[in-house]
Protein backbone atom coordinates (compact mmCIF):
# COMPACT_ATOMS: atom_id res chain seq x y z
CA UNK A 1 5.78 28.12 -2.65
CA UNK A 2 7.35 27.07 0.63
CA UNK A 3 7.95 23.33 1.00
CA UNK A 4 7.97 21.68 4.41
CA UNK A 5 9.36 18.16 4.83
CA UNK A 6 7.75 16.21 7.67
CA UNK A 7 9.38 12.95 8.82
CA UNK A 8 7.27 9.85 8.12
CA UNK A 9 7.09 8.96 11.81
CA UNK A 10 5.29 12.24 12.52
CA UNK A 11 3.22 12.45 9.33
CA UNK A 12 1.98 8.86 9.41
CA UNK A 13 1.26 9.06 13.13
CA UNK A 14 -1.08 11.97 12.37
CA UNK A 15 -2.55 10.06 9.43
CA UNK A 16 -3.27 7.14 11.78
CA UNK A 17 -5.05 9.49 14.20
CA UNK A 18 -7.16 11.04 11.43
CA UNK A 19 -8.10 7.60 10.11
CA UNK A 20 -9.12 6.51 13.62
CA UNK A 21 -11.44 9.55 13.73
CA UNK A 22 -13.18 8.28 10.59
CA UNK A 23 -11.61 10.72 8.14
CA UNK A 24 -10.26 9.83 4.70
CA UNK A 25 -6.63 10.84 4.15
CA UNK A 26 -4.61 11.15 0.94
CA UNK A 27 -0.87 10.56 1.31
CA UNK A 28 2.01 10.60 -1.17
CA UNK A 29 3.92 7.35 -1.54
CA UNK A 30 7.64 6.63 -1.33
CA UNK A 31 9.72 3.67 -2.42
CA UNK A 32 9.27 0.88 -4.93
CA UNK A 33 7.86 -1.90 -2.78
CA UNK A 34 4.43 -1.65 -4.46
CA UNK A 35 5.59 -1.60 -8.09
CA UNK A 36 4.09 -1.90 -10.65
CA UNK A 37 0.77 -0.77 -9.12
CA UNK A 38 2.03 2.18 -7.03
CA UNK A 39 5.04 4.24 -8.07
CA UNK A 40 6.73 5.96 -5.17
CA UNK A 41 7.22 9.69 -5.56
CA UNK A 42 4.60 9.84 -8.33
CA UNK A 43 1.41 8.27 -6.99
CA UNK A 44 -0.69 8.96 -3.91
CA UNK A 45 -3.24 6.82 -2.09
CA UNK A 46 -6.58 7.69 -0.52
CA UNK A 47 -6.84 5.82 2.79
CA UNK A 48 -9.90 5.01 4.91
CA UNK A 49 -10.33 3.10 8.15
CA UNK A 50 -12.45 -0.02 7.49
CA UNK A 51 -13.76 -2.66 9.87
CA UNK A 52 -13.12 -5.45 7.37
CA UNK A 53 -9.99 -6.67 5.62
CA UNK A 54 -10.03 -8.56 2.36
CA UNK A 55 -7.38 -10.50 0.50
CA UNK A 56 -5.79 -8.11 -1.97
CA UNK A 57 -6.44 -4.93 0.02
CA UNK A 58 -3.59 -2.43 0.18
CA UNK A 59 -3.18 -1.31 3.78
CA UNK A 60 -1.12 1.09 5.87
CA UNK A 61 0.23 -0.90 8.82
CA UNK A 62 2.24 0.22 11.82
CA UNK A 63 5.08 -2.30 11.79
CA UNK A 64 6.65 -0.99 14.99
CA UNK A 65 6.17 2.17 16.97
CA UNK A 66 6.14 5.16 14.58
CA UNK A 67 7.21 3.05 11.59
CA UNK A 68 4.75 2.20 8.80
CA UNK A 69 4.47 0.23 5.58
CA UNK A 70 1.96 0.32 2.71
CA UNK A 71 1.64 -3.27 1.44
CA UNK A 72 -0.95 -5.72 0.12
CA UNK A 73 -2.86 -8.23 2.26
CA UNK A 74 -1.97 -11.74 1.09
CA UNK A 75 -3.43 -13.63 4.04
CA UNK A 76 -5.92 -13.19 6.87
CA UNK A 77 -6.22 -15.77 9.64
CA UNK A 78 -8.33 -14.57 12.54
CA UNK A 79 -6.43 -11.67 14.12
CA UNK A 80 -3.29 -12.30 12.04
CA UNK A 81 -2.72 -10.42 8.78
CA UNK A 82 0.07 -11.28 6.33
CA UNK A 83 1.36 -8.53 4.03
CA UNK A 84 3.72 -8.36 1.08
CA UNK A 85 4.73 -5.53 -1.23
CA UNK A 86 3.82 -6.07 -4.88
CA UNK A 87 7.36 -5.08 -5.86
CA UNK A 88 8.95 -7.55 -3.45
CA UNK A 89 10.16 -10.89 -4.73
CA UNK A 90 10.13 -12.55 -1.33
CA UNK A 91 9.62 -11.71 2.30
CA UNK A 92 6.31 -11.24 4.02
CA UNK A 93 5.30 -9.36 7.15
CA UNK A 94 2.89 -10.74 9.73
CA UNK A 95 0.95 -8.32 11.94
CA UNK A 96 -2.17 -8.15 14.05
CA UNK A 97 -5.39 -6.66 12.77
CA UNK A 98 -5.06 -3.80 15.25
CA UNK A 99 -1.79 -2.75 13.53
CA UNK A 100 -3.71 -1.83 10.35
CA UNK A 101 -4.28 1.93 10.34
CA UNK A 102 -6.20 2.18 7.07
CA UNK A 103 -7.04 0.67 3.70
CA UNK A 104 -6.28 2.23 0.32
CA UNK A 105 -9.52 3.02 -1.48
CA UNK A 106 -8.01 4.64 -4.56
CA UNK A 107 -4.61 5.19 -6.08
CA UNK A 108 -4.07 8.63 -7.60
CA UNK A 109 -1.78 7.96 -10.56
CA UNK A 110 0.60 10.87 -11.12
CA UNK A 111 -1.75 12.91 -8.92
CA UNK A 112 -4.55 12.87 -11.52
CA UNK A 113 -6.12 9.58 -12.70
CA UNK A 114 -7.95 7.68 -9.95
CA UNK A 115 -7.79 3.89 -9.79
CA UNK A 116 -10.24 2.06 -7.52
CA UNK A 117 -7.86 -0.43 -5.94
CA UNK A 118 -10.72 -2.47 -4.42
CA UNK A 119 -12.52 -3.01 -7.75
CA UNK A 120 -12.87 -6.51 -9.18
CA UNK A 121 -10.56 -5.58 -12.04
CA UNK A 122 -7.82 -4.24 -9.73
CA UNK A 123 -8.03 -7.24 -7.39
CA UNK A 124 -7.90 -9.64 -10.38
CA UNK A 125 -4.77 -7.85 -11.66
CA UNK A 126 -3.18 -8.14 -8.21
CA UNK A 127 -4.01 -11.88 -8.03
CA UNK A 128 -2.51 -12.43 -11.48
CA UNK A 129 0.59 -10.48 -10.48
CA UNK A 130 0.96 -12.68 -7.39
CA UNK A 131 0.79 -15.80 -9.59
CA UNK A 132 3.76 -14.44 -11.56
CA UNK A 133 5.94 -14.58 -8.43
CA UNK A 134 8.65 -16.76 -10.03
CA UNK A 135 8.98 -14.27 -12.91
CA UNK A 136 8.64 -11.05 -10.88
CA UNK A 137 12.35 -10.32 -10.83
CA UNK A 138 12.58 -10.34 -14.61
CA UNK A 139 9.33 -8.42 -15.18
CA UNK A 140 10.25 -5.77 -12.58
CA UNK A 141 13.69 -5.40 -14.13
CA UNK A 142 12.12 -4.56 -17.50
CA UNK A 143 9.52 -2.34 -15.85
CA UNK A 144 12.16 -0.29 -14.05
CA UNK A 145 14.17 0.16 -17.25
CA UNK A 146 11.13 1.23 -19.26
CA UNK A 147 9.12 3.32 -16.82
CA UNK A 148 11.33 4.60 -14.00
């Protein structure tokens, strides 16, 4: 099998275009900013362009030209959307609604098991994780030692 590596700027630009056309797109993930819910290099996400944004949604946002991030919505105020990675202990990003390319509908765990990331159960788990903010550093440290 021949493997082709496409830079994120090109790949995610195409993903954004496909989402704008109303197509669903599955992309592999990179990095650890969404731990423990999404493991970079192991999990993929199924994205869809939605007209609405909800607290707790995981979205693909264009943070500057040809640069993207997949993080969770922690605040919506009119046209302003605040994002934060689940694996981040601090630091938020603030963008405009128009910067959101798509919303994660499902997480494909290890490429097999599907998790509906907009279900009540998943959103409750994300809310509970957010409440553990002061302890995140310790919990993520154990998580990385045990599972990564």
